[in-house]
Amino acid sequence: MSALTHIQTIATDVVLAAGGGSLLGSVGVSGLAFAVGFLLFSGLRGSDRVKLDRDKAGVLGMVFSTLSASASGMWGSLAAGAAEVPRGLMEGLSFGSFGLGAVALGSCLMIFIPKWKKMWVPAFLGIGAGWTFAGAGGIWALGTTLVTTMATKLGGM
């Protein structure tokens, strides 16, 4: 027989069932997308705990979009819809042929260069940019890869 007591056996079973080594247990990527989306929404609504400036709003939007794309379903549709706005704006202009890399660059410029008075603008552009980065590939996909790798370690996918 084993030297484990009944209590130790139960504790071992609970630890093994908690999510295979992920830091937050079985939160899942959909749960992480919800949490980041809630933080972004709370900051945009003026929470006293979540203070947003242009850069934080843009980055939280990008992280939310990347997690949403990984979660797929309703979350992925939300991020894909937001990604159509900067893509449509840049490709709709008569400046020639724009690839997704140019759209990703333009999205970053639109998020981080102007001084936005309303924080929903860089947040929305960030949501679109996160989706665009994954499709653009190259250096743009590094952030997407980093976020999905961290999501795997934190909450399990």
N, C-alpha and C. Protein backbone atom coordinates (compact mmCIF):
# COMPACT_ATOMS: atom_id res chain seq x y z
N MET A 1 0.81 -1.18 0.00
CA MET A 1 0.00 0.00 0.00
C MET A 1 0.86 1.25 0.00
N SER A 2 0.22 2.33 -0.29
CA SER A 2 0.89 3.61 -0.36
C SER A 2 1.01 4.22 1.04
N ALA A 3 2.03 5.07 1.18
CA ALA A 3 2.24 5.75 2.46
C ALA A 3 1.38 7.01 2.57
N LEU A 4 0.60 7.32 1.51
CA LEU A 4 -0.24 8.51 1.55
C LEU A 4 -1.47 8.27 2.41
N THR A 5 -1.84 9.26 3.16
CA THR A 5 -3.08 9.18 3.92
C THR A 5 -4.25 9.51 3.00
N HIS A 6 -5.44 9.35 3.49
CA HIS A 6 -6.63 9.65 2.71
C HIS A 6 -6.66 11.13 2.32
N ILE A 7 -6.32 12.03 3.23
CA ILE A 7 -6.31 13.47 2.96
C ILE A 7 -5.27 13.80 1.89
N GLN A 8 -4.09 13.22 1.97
CA GLN A 8 -3.05 13.49 0.98
C GLN A 8 -3.47 12.99 -0.40
N THR A 9 -4.16 11.86 -0.46
CA THR A 9 -4.63 11.33 -1.73
C THR A 9 -5.64 12.28 -2.36
N ILE A 10 -6.57 12.78 -1.56
CA ILE A 10 -7.56 13.73 -2.08
C ILE A 10 -6.87 15.00 -2.56
N ALA A 11 -5.92 15.52 -1.81
CA ALA A 11 -5.21 16.73 -2.20
C ALA A 11 -4.45 16.51 -3.50
N THR A 12 -3.83 15.36 -3.68
CA THR A 12 -3.11 15.04 -4.90
C THR A 12 -4.08 14.98 -6.08
N ASP A 13 -5.24 14.35 -5.89
CA ASP A 13 -6.23 14.27 -6.96
C ASP A 13 -6.72 15.65 -7.37
N VAL A 14 -6.94 16.54 -6.41
CA VAL A 14 -7.40 17.89 -6.71
C VAL A 14 -6.33 18.65 -7.50
N VAL A 15 -5.07 18.55 -7.11
CA VAL A 15 -4.00 19.23 -7.82
C VAL A 15 -3.89 18.71 -9.24
N LEU A 16 -3.97 17.41 -9.44
CA LEU A 16 -3.86 16.84 -10.77
C LEU A 16 -5.05 17.22 -11.65
N ALA A 17 -6.21 17.43 -11.07
CA ALA A 17 -7.39 17.79 -11.84
C ALA A 17 -7.50 19.28 -12.09
N ALA A 18 -6.58 20.06 -11.54
CA ALA A 18 -6.71 21.52 -11.60
C ALA A 18 -6.33 22.11 -12.94
N GLY A 19 -5.81 21.38 -13.88
CA GLY A 19 -5.57 21.98 -15.17
C GLY A 19 -4.23 21.66 -15.77
N GLY A 20 -3.59 20.63 -15.40
CA GLY A 20 -2.39 20.19 -16.07
C GLY A 20 -1.22 21.13 -15.97
N GLY A 21 -1.08 21.85 -14.91
CA GLY A 21 0.10 22.67 -14.71
C GLY A 21 -0.06 24.13 -15.11
N SER A 22 -1.22 24.55 -15.60
CA SER A 22 -1.38 25.96 -15.92
C SER A 22 -1.52 26.75 -14.62
N LEU A 23 -1.03 27.96 -14.62
CA LEU A 23 -0.94 28.76 -13.41
C LEU A 23 -2.31 29.08 -12.80
N LEU A 24 -3.28 29.38 -13.63
CA LEU A 24 -4.60 29.77 -13.12
C LEU A 24 -5.62 28.64 -13.16
N GLY A 25 -5.16 27.43 -13.36
CA GLY A 25 -6.09 26.30 -13.42
C GLY A 25 -6.76 26.23 -14.77
N SER A 26 -8.03 25.91 -14.78
CA SER A 26 -8.74 25.70 -16.05
C SER A 26 -9.54 26.93 -16.46
N VAL A 27 -8.91 28.08 -16.47
CA VAL A 27 -9.59 29.31 -16.88
C VAL A 27 -9.91 29.25 -18.37
N GLY A 28 -8.99 28.80 -19.17
CA GLY A 28 -9.19 28.71 -20.61
C GLY A 28 -8.99 30.05 -21.28
N VAL A 29 -8.77 30.01 -22.58
CA VAL A 29 -8.50 31.24 -23.32
C VAL A 29 -9.76 32.11 -23.42
N SER A 30 -10.93 31.50 -23.46
CA SER A 30 -12.16 32.30 -23.47
C SER A 30 -12.32 33.08 -22.17
N GLY A 31 -11.96 32.44 -21.05
CA GLY A 31 -12.01 33.13 -19.76
C GLY A 31 -11.02 34.27 -19.68
N LEU A 32 -9.81 34.05 -20.23
CA LEU A 32 -8.82 35.13 -20.26
C LEU A 32 -9.27 36.28 -21.16
N ALA A 33 -9.88 35.95 -22.30
CA ALA A 33 -10.41 36.98 -23.20
C ALA A 33 -11.48 37.80 -22.48
N PHE A 34 -12.36 37.11 -21.75
CA PHE A 34 -13.39 37.81 -20.99
C PHE A 34 -12.76 38.74 -19.95
N ALA A 35 -11.76 38.23 -19.22
CA ALA A 35 -11.13 39.04 -18.16
C ALA A 35 -10.46 40.28 -18.73
N VAL A 36 -9.71 40.13 -19.82
CA VAL A 36 -9.04 41.29 -20.43
C VAL A 36 -10.07 42.25 -21.01
N GLY A 37 -11.12 41.70 -21.63
CA GLY A 37 -12.19 42.55 -22.16
C GLY A 37 -12.89 43.33 -21.06
N PHE A 38 -13.10 42.67 -19.91
CA PHE A 38 -13.73 43.35 -18.78
C PHE A 38 -12.83 44.47 -18.24
N LEU A 39 -11.52 44.20 -18.16
CA LEU A 39 -10.59 45.25 -17.73
C LEU A 39 -10.63 46.44 -18.68
N LEU A 40 -10.62 46.15 -19.98
CA LEU A 40 -10.67 47.22 -20.98
C LEU A 40 -11.97 48.00 -20.87
N PHE A 41 -13.08 47.30 -20.78
CA PHE A 41 -14.38 47.96 -20.67
C PHE A 41 -14.46 48.80 -19.39
N SER A 42 -13.96 48.25 -18.28
CA SER A 42 -13.99 48.98 -17.01
C SER A 42 -13.16 50.24 -17.08
N GLY A 43 -11.99 50.14 -17.70
CA GLY A 43 -11.15 51.32 -17.85
C GLY A 43 -11.78 52.38 -18.74
N LEU A 44 -12.46 51.94 -19.80
CA LEU A 44 -13.13 52.89 -20.69
C LEU A 44 -14.32 53.55 -20.02
N ARG A 45 -14.95 52.84 -19.09
CA ARG A 45 -16.09 53.40 -18.37
C ARG A 45 -15.69 54.30 -17.21
N GLY A 46 -14.38 54.37 -16.91
CA GLY A 46 -13.92 55.26 -15.86
C GLY A 46 -13.79 54.62 -14.49
N SER A 47 -13.40 53.38 -14.45
CA SER A 47 -13.22 52.70 -13.17
C SER A 47 -12.13 53.39 -12.36
N ASP A 48 -12.31 53.41 -11.03
CA ASP A 48 -11.28 54.00 -10.18
C ASP A 48 -10.10 53.03 -10.01
N ARG A 49 -10.26 51.78 -10.38
CA ARG A 49 -9.19 50.78 -10.24
C ARG A 49 -8.39 50.59 -11.53
N VAL A 50 -9.00 50.85 -12.68
CA VAL A 50 -8.35 50.66 -13.97
C VAL A 50 -8.24 52.03 -14.65
N LYS A 51 -7.04 52.57 -14.66
CA LYS A 51 -6.80 53.87 -15.28
C LYS A 51 -6.18 53.64 -16.66
N LEU A 52 -6.83 54.15 -17.69
CA LEU A 52 -6.34 53.96 -19.05
C LEU A 52 -5.81 55.27 -19.62
N ASP A 53 -4.70 55.15 -20.32
CA ASP A 53 -4.23 56.22 -21.18
C ASP A 53 -4.22 55.65 -22.60
N ARG A 54 -3.74 56.40 -23.56
CA ARG A 54 -3.74 55.96 -24.95
C ARG A 54 -3.01 54.64 -25.14
N ASP A 55 -1.81 54.54 -24.57
CA ASP A 55 -0.99 53.35 -24.77
C ASP A 55 -1.59 52.12 -24.11
N LYS A 56 -2.08 52.26 -22.88
CA LYS A 56 -2.69 51.12 -22.19
C LYS A 56 -3.95 50.66 -22.91
N ALA A 57 -4.75 51.59 -23.38
CA ALA A 57 -5.97 51.23 -24.09
C ALA A 57 -5.64 50.47 -25.37
N GLY A 58 -4.66 50.95 -26.11
CA GLY A 58 -4.26 50.28 -27.34
C GLY A 58 -3.71 48.89 -27.10
N VAL A 59 -2.84 48.76 -26.12
CA VAL A 59 -2.23 47.45 -25.82
C VAL A 59 -3.27 46.48 -25.28
N LEU A 60 -4.14 46.94 -24.36
CA LEU A 60 -5.19 46.05 -23.87
C LEU A 60 -6.12 45.62 -24.99
N GLY A 61 -6.40 46.51 -25.93
CA GLY A 61 -7.20 46.14 -27.09
C GLY A 61 -6.52 45.07 -27.93
N MET A 62 -5.21 45.21 -28.12
CA MET A 62 -4.46 44.21 -28.89
C MET A 62 -4.45 42.86 -28.19
N VAL A 63 -4.24 42.87 -26.88
CA VAL A 63 -4.22 41.61 -26.12
C VAL A 63 -5.61 40.96 -26.16
N PHE A 64 -6.65 41.77 -25.97
CA PHE A 64 -8.01 41.25 -26.03
C PHE A 64 -8.29 40.62 -27.39
N SER A 65 -7.88 41.30 -28.45
CA SER A 65 -8.10 40.79 -29.79
C SER A 65 -7.38 39.48 -30.04
N THR A 66 -6.13 39.39 -29.59
CA THR A 66 -5.36 38.17 -29.78
C THR A 66 -5.98 37.00 -29.03
N LEU A 67 -6.39 37.23 -27.79
CA LEU A 67 -7.05 36.18 -27.03
C LEU A 67 -8.39 35.81 -27.64
N SER A 68 -9.11 36.80 -28.14
CA SER A 68 -10.41 36.54 -28.77
C SER A 68 -10.25 35.70 -30.02
N ALA A 69 -9.23 36.00 -30.80
CA ALA A 69 -8.99 35.21 -32.01
C ALA A 69 -8.65 33.76 -31.66
N SER A 70 -7.89 33.58 -30.59
CA SER A 70 -7.54 32.22 -30.16
C SER A 70 -8.75 31.49 -29.60
N ALA A 71 -9.66 32.22 -28.97
CA ALA A 71 -10.85 31.60 -28.38
C ALA A 71 -11.88 31.23 -29.43
N SER A 72 -11.86 31.91 -30.56
CA SER A 72 -12.81 31.76 -31.66
C SER A 72 -14.24 31.97 -31.18
N GLY A 73 -15.22 31.45 -31.89
CA GLY A 73 -16.62 31.65 -31.52
C GLY A 73 -17.01 33.12 -31.56
N MET A 74 -17.83 33.53 -30.60
CA MET A 74 -18.29 34.91 -30.52
C MET A 74 -17.13 35.88 -30.35
N TRP A 75 -16.14 35.48 -29.55
CA TRP A 75 -14.99 36.36 -29.31
C TRP A 75 -14.24 36.62 -30.61
N GLY A 76 -14.01 35.58 -31.39
CA GLY A 76 -13.28 35.74 -32.65
C GLY A 76 -14.04 36.61 -33.64
N SER A 77 -15.35 36.49 -33.68
CA SER A 77 -16.17 37.31 -34.58
C SER A 77 -16.09 38.79 -34.19
N LEU A 78 -16.08 39.05 -32.91
CA LEU A 78 -15.97 40.42 -32.42
C LEU A 78 -14.66 41.06 -32.87
N ALA A 79 -13.56 40.34 -32.69
CA ALA A 79 -12.25 40.86 -33.08
C ALA A 79 -12.12 41.00 -34.59
N ALA A 80 -12.67 40.03 -35.34
CA ALA A 80 -12.60 40.10 -36.80
C ALA A 80 -13.38 41.30 -37.32
N GLY A 81 -14.51 41.59 -36.72
CA GLY A 81 -15.29 42.76 -37.13
C GLY A 81 -14.56 44.06 -36.87
N ALA A 82 -13.90 44.15 -35.72
CA ALA A 82 -13.13 45.36 -35.41
C ALA A 82 -11.93 45.51 -36.34
N ALA A 83 -11.38 44.39 -36.82
CA ALA A 83 -10.22 44.45 -37.71
C ALA A 83 -10.59 44.97 -39.09
N GLU A 84 -11.84 44.87 -39.47
CA GLU A 84 -12.25 45.34 -40.80
C GLU A 84 -12.21 46.87 -40.90
N VAL A 85 -12.33 47.57 -39.78
CA VAL A 85 -12.37 49.04 -39.83
C VAL A 85 -11.03 49.62 -40.28
N PRO A 86 -9.89 49.34 -39.59
CA PRO A 86 -8.64 49.93 -40.09
C PRO A 86 -8.25 49.39 -41.46
N ARG A 87 -8.55 48.13 -41.71
CA ARG A 87 -8.23 47.55 -43.01
C ARG A 87 -9.02 48.25 -44.11
N GLY A 88 -10.31 48.45 -43.88
CA GLY A 88 -11.15 49.14 -44.85
C GLY A 88 -10.73 50.59 -45.07
N LEU A 89 -10.34 51.27 -43.99
CA LEU A 89 -9.90 52.65 -44.12
C LEU A 89 -8.63 52.76 -44.96
N MET A 90 -7.68 51.89 -44.70
CA MET A 90 -6.39 51.99 -45.39
C MET A 90 -6.46 51.46 -46.81
N GLU A 91 -7.18 50.37 -47.02
CA GLU A 91 -7.26 49.81 -48.36
C GLU A 91 -8.24 50.58 -49.23
N GLY A 92 -9.16 51.32 -48.60
CA GLY A 92 -10.13 52.10 -49.36
C GLY A 92 -9.57 53.40 -49.91
N LEU A 93 -8.44 53.84 -49.39
CA LEU A 93 -7.82 55.06 -49.89
C LEU A 93 -7.13 54.79 -51.22
N SER A 94 -6.97 55.79 -52.02
CA SER A 94 -6.38 55.63 -53.36
C SER A 94 -4.87 55.84 -53.33
N PHE A 95 -4.19 55.17 -52.41
CA PHE A 95 -2.75 55.31 -52.30
C PHE A 95 -1.99 54.13 -52.86
N GLY A 96 -2.67 53.26 -53.56
CA GLY A 96 -2.00 52.08 -54.12
C GLY A 96 -2.40 50.82 -53.38
N SER A 97 -1.56 49.81 -53.52
CA SER A 97 -1.86 48.50 -52.95
C SER A 97 -1.30 48.39 -51.53
N PHE A 98 -2.17 48.12 -50.58
CA PHE A 98 -1.77 47.94 -49.19
C PHE A 98 -1.86 46.46 -48.84
N GLY A 99 -0.79 45.90 -48.28
CA GLY A 99 -0.84 44.56 -47.73
C GLY A 99 -1.18 44.62 -46.25
N LEU A 100 -1.31 43.46 -45.63
CA LEU A 100 -1.66 43.45 -44.20
C LEU A 100 -0.53 44.02 -43.34
N GLY A 101 0.72 43.91 -43.79
CA GLY A 101 1.83 44.52 -43.06
C GLY A 101 1.69 46.03 -42.99
N ALA A 102 1.27 46.63 -44.09
CA ALA A 102 1.05 48.09 -44.12
C ALA A 102 -0.13 48.47 -43.25
N VAL A 103 -1.17 47.63 -43.23
CA VAL A 103 -2.32 47.90 -42.37
C VAL A 103 -1.91 47.81 -40.90
N ALA A 104 -1.06 46.82 -40.57
CA ALA A 104 -0.56 46.69 -39.19
C ALA A 104 0.26 47.91 -38.79
N LEU A 105 1.13 48.36 -39.68
CA LEU A 105 1.94 49.55 -39.41
C LEU A 105 1.05 50.78 -39.24
N GLY A 106 0.11 50.94 -40.14
CA GLY A 106 -0.81 52.08 -40.05
C GLY A 106 -1.64 52.05 -38.78
N SER A 107 -2.05 50.85 -38.36
CA SER A 107 -2.82 50.73 -37.13
C SER A 107 -2.00 51.19 -35.93
N CYS A 108 -0.73 50.78 -35.88
CA CYS A 108 0.14 51.21 -34.78
C CYS A 108 0.33 52.72 -34.79
N LEU A 109 0.51 53.28 -35.97
CA LEU A 109 0.66 54.74 -36.06
C LEU A 109 -0.61 55.45 -35.58
N MET A 110 -1.77 54.93 -35.98
CA MET A 110 -3.03 55.56 -35.57
C MET A 110 -3.28 55.41 -34.07
N ILE A 111 -2.80 54.32 -33.47
CA ILE A 111 -3.03 54.11 -32.04
C ILE A 111 -2.09 54.96 -31.20
N PHE A 112 -0.80 54.93 -31.51
CA PHE A 112 0.21 55.45 -30.59
C PHE A 112 0.74 56.84 -30.90
N ILE A 113 0.43 57.43 -32.04
CA ILE A 113 0.97 58.76 -32.36
C ILE A 113 0.02 59.90 -31.97
N PRO A 114 -1.26 59.88 -32.39
CA PRO A 114 -2.13 61.02 -32.03
C PRO A 114 -2.42 61.08 -30.53
N LYS A 115 -2.76 62.26 -30.07
CA LYS A 115 -3.20 62.44 -28.69
C LYS A 115 -4.73 62.30 -28.69
N TRP A 116 -5.21 61.14 -28.27
CA TRP A 116 -6.64 60.87 -28.29
C TRP A 116 -7.28 61.38 -27.01
N LYS A 117 -8.39 62.08 -27.17
CA LYS A 117 -9.14 62.54 -26.00
C LYS A 117 -10.08 61.46 -25.49
N LYS A 118 -10.62 60.68 -26.39
CA LYS A 118 -11.51 59.57 -26.04
C LYS A 118 -10.72 58.27 -26.14
N MET A 119 -10.63 57.53 -25.05
CA MET A 119 -9.80 56.32 -25.01
C MET A 119 -10.41 55.14 -25.76
N TRP A 120 -11.69 55.23 -26.14
CA TRP A 120 -12.29 54.14 -26.88
C TRP A 120 -11.71 54.03 -28.28
N VAL A 121 -11.19 55.13 -28.83
CA VAL A 121 -10.62 55.10 -30.18
C VAL A 121 -9.36 54.23 -30.24
N PRO A 122 -8.33 54.48 -29.40
CA PRO A 122 -7.18 53.57 -29.46
C PRO A 122 -7.52 52.15 -29.01
N ALA A 123 -8.50 51.99 -28.12
CA ALA A 123 -8.90 50.64 -27.70
C ALA A 123 -9.51 49.89 -28.87
N PHE A 124 -10.40 50.53 -29.60
CA PHE A 124 -11.04 49.90 -30.75
C PHE A 124 -10.02 49.61 -31.85
N LEU A 125 -9.13 50.57 -32.11
CA LEU A 125 -8.09 50.35 -33.11
C LEU A 125 -7.14 49.23 -32.68
N GLY A 126 -6.88 49.14 -31.37
CA GLY A 126 -6.04 48.06 -30.86
C GLY A 126 -6.69 46.70 -31.04
N ILE A 127 -8.01 46.63 -30.86
CA ILE A 127 -8.72 45.36 -31.09
C ILE A 127 -8.58 44.95 -32.55
N GLY A 128 -8.71 45.90 -33.44
CA GLY A 128 -8.52 45.59 -34.86
C GLY A 128 -7.09 45.25 -35.19
N ALA A 129 -6.14 45.91 -34.55
CA ALA A 129 -4.73 45.67 -34.84
C ALA A 129 -4.28 44.29 -34.40
N GLY A 130 -4.75 43.82 -33.26
CA GLY A 130 -4.35 42.50 -32.79
C GLY A 130 -4.71 41.40 -33.77
N TRP A 131 -5.88 41.50 -34.38
CA TRP A 131 -6.31 40.53 -35.38
C TRP A 131 -5.47 40.67 -36.65
N THR A 132 -5.16 41.91 -37.02
CA THR A 132 -4.38 42.16 -38.23
C THR A 132 -2.96 41.65 -38.09
N PHE A 133 -2.37 41.77 -36.89
CA PHE A 133 -1.00 41.32 -36.68
C PHE A 133 -0.84 39.84 -36.99
N ALA A 134 -1.81 39.04 -36.56
CA ALA A 134 -1.72 37.60 -36.80
C ALA A 134 -1.73 37.30 -38.29
N GLY A 135 -2.53 38.01 -39.05
CA GLY A 135 -2.61 37.78 -40.50
C GLY A 135 -1.44 38.34 -41.26
N ALA A 136 -0.81 39.40 -40.73
CA ALA A 136 0.29 40.04 -41.43
C ALA A 136 1.56 39.20 -41.39
N GLY A 137 1.74 38.43 -40.32
CA GLY A 137 2.94 37.59 -40.20
C GLY A 137 4.16 38.44 -39.92
N GLY A 138 5.32 37.87 -40.09
CA GLY A 138 6.58 38.58 -39.88
C GLY A 138 6.73 39.07 -38.46
N ILE A 139 7.30 40.24 -38.32
CA ILE A 139 7.55 40.81 -36.99
C ILE A 139 6.23 41.12 -36.27
N TRP A 140 5.16 41.37 -37.04
CA TRP A 140 3.87 41.69 -36.45
C TRP A 140 3.30 40.52 -35.68
N ALA A 141 3.61 39.30 -36.10
CA ALA A 141 3.05 38.11 -35.45
C ALA A 141 3.78 37.76 -34.16
N LEU A 142 4.92 38.41 -33.87
CA LEU A 142 5.65 38.12 -32.64
C LEU A 142 4.82 38.40 -31.39
N GLY A 143 4.14 39.54 -31.37
CA GLY A 143 3.30 39.88 -30.23
C GLY A 143 2.15 38.91 -30.06
N THR A 144 1.55 38.51 -31.18
CA THR A 144 0.47 37.53 -31.13
C THR A 144 0.95 36.21 -30.56
N THR A 145 2.12 35.78 -31.01
CA THR A 145 2.70 34.53 -30.52
C THR A 145 3.01 34.62 -29.04
N LEU A 146 3.54 35.76 -28.60
CA LEU A 146 3.87 35.96 -27.19
C LEU A 146 2.61 35.90 -26.33
N VAL A 147 1.56 36.57 -26.75
CA VAL A 147 0.31 36.58 -25.97
C VAL A 147 -0.30 35.20 -25.89
N THR A 148 -0.34 34.46 -27.00
CA THR A 148 -0.94 33.13 -26.96
C THR A 148 -0.09 32.16 -26.15
N THR A 149 1.22 32.31 -26.18
CA THR A 149 2.09 31.46 -25.36
C THR A 149 1.86 31.74 -23.87
N MET A 150 1.78 33.02 -23.50
CA MET A 150 1.52 33.37 -22.11
C MET A 150 0.13 32.90 -21.68
N ALA A 151 -0.86 32.98 -22.59
CA ALA A 151 -2.21 32.51 -22.26
C ALA A 151 -2.21 31.01 -22.00
N THR A 152 -1.41 30.30 -22.74
CA THR A 152 -1.31 28.85 -22.54
C THR A 152 -0.75 28.55 -21.16
N LYS A 153 0.28 29.29 -20.77
CA LYS A 153 0.91 29.05 -19.47
C LYS A 153 0.01 29.50 -18.31
N LEU A 154 -0.71 30.60 -18.51
CA LEU A 154 -1.55 31.13 -17.43
C LEU A 154 -2.84 30.35 -17.24
N GLY A 155 -3.57 30.17 -18.33
CA GLY A 155 -4.91 29.62 -18.17
C GLY A 155 -5.20 28.36 -18.93
N GLY A 156 -4.26 27.87 -19.66
CA GLY A 156 -4.50 26.65 -20.42
C GLY A 156 -5.42 26.92 -21.59
N MET A 157 -5.10 26.31 -22.69
CA MET A 157 -5.92 26.51 -23.91
C MET A 157 -6.54 25.22 -24.34
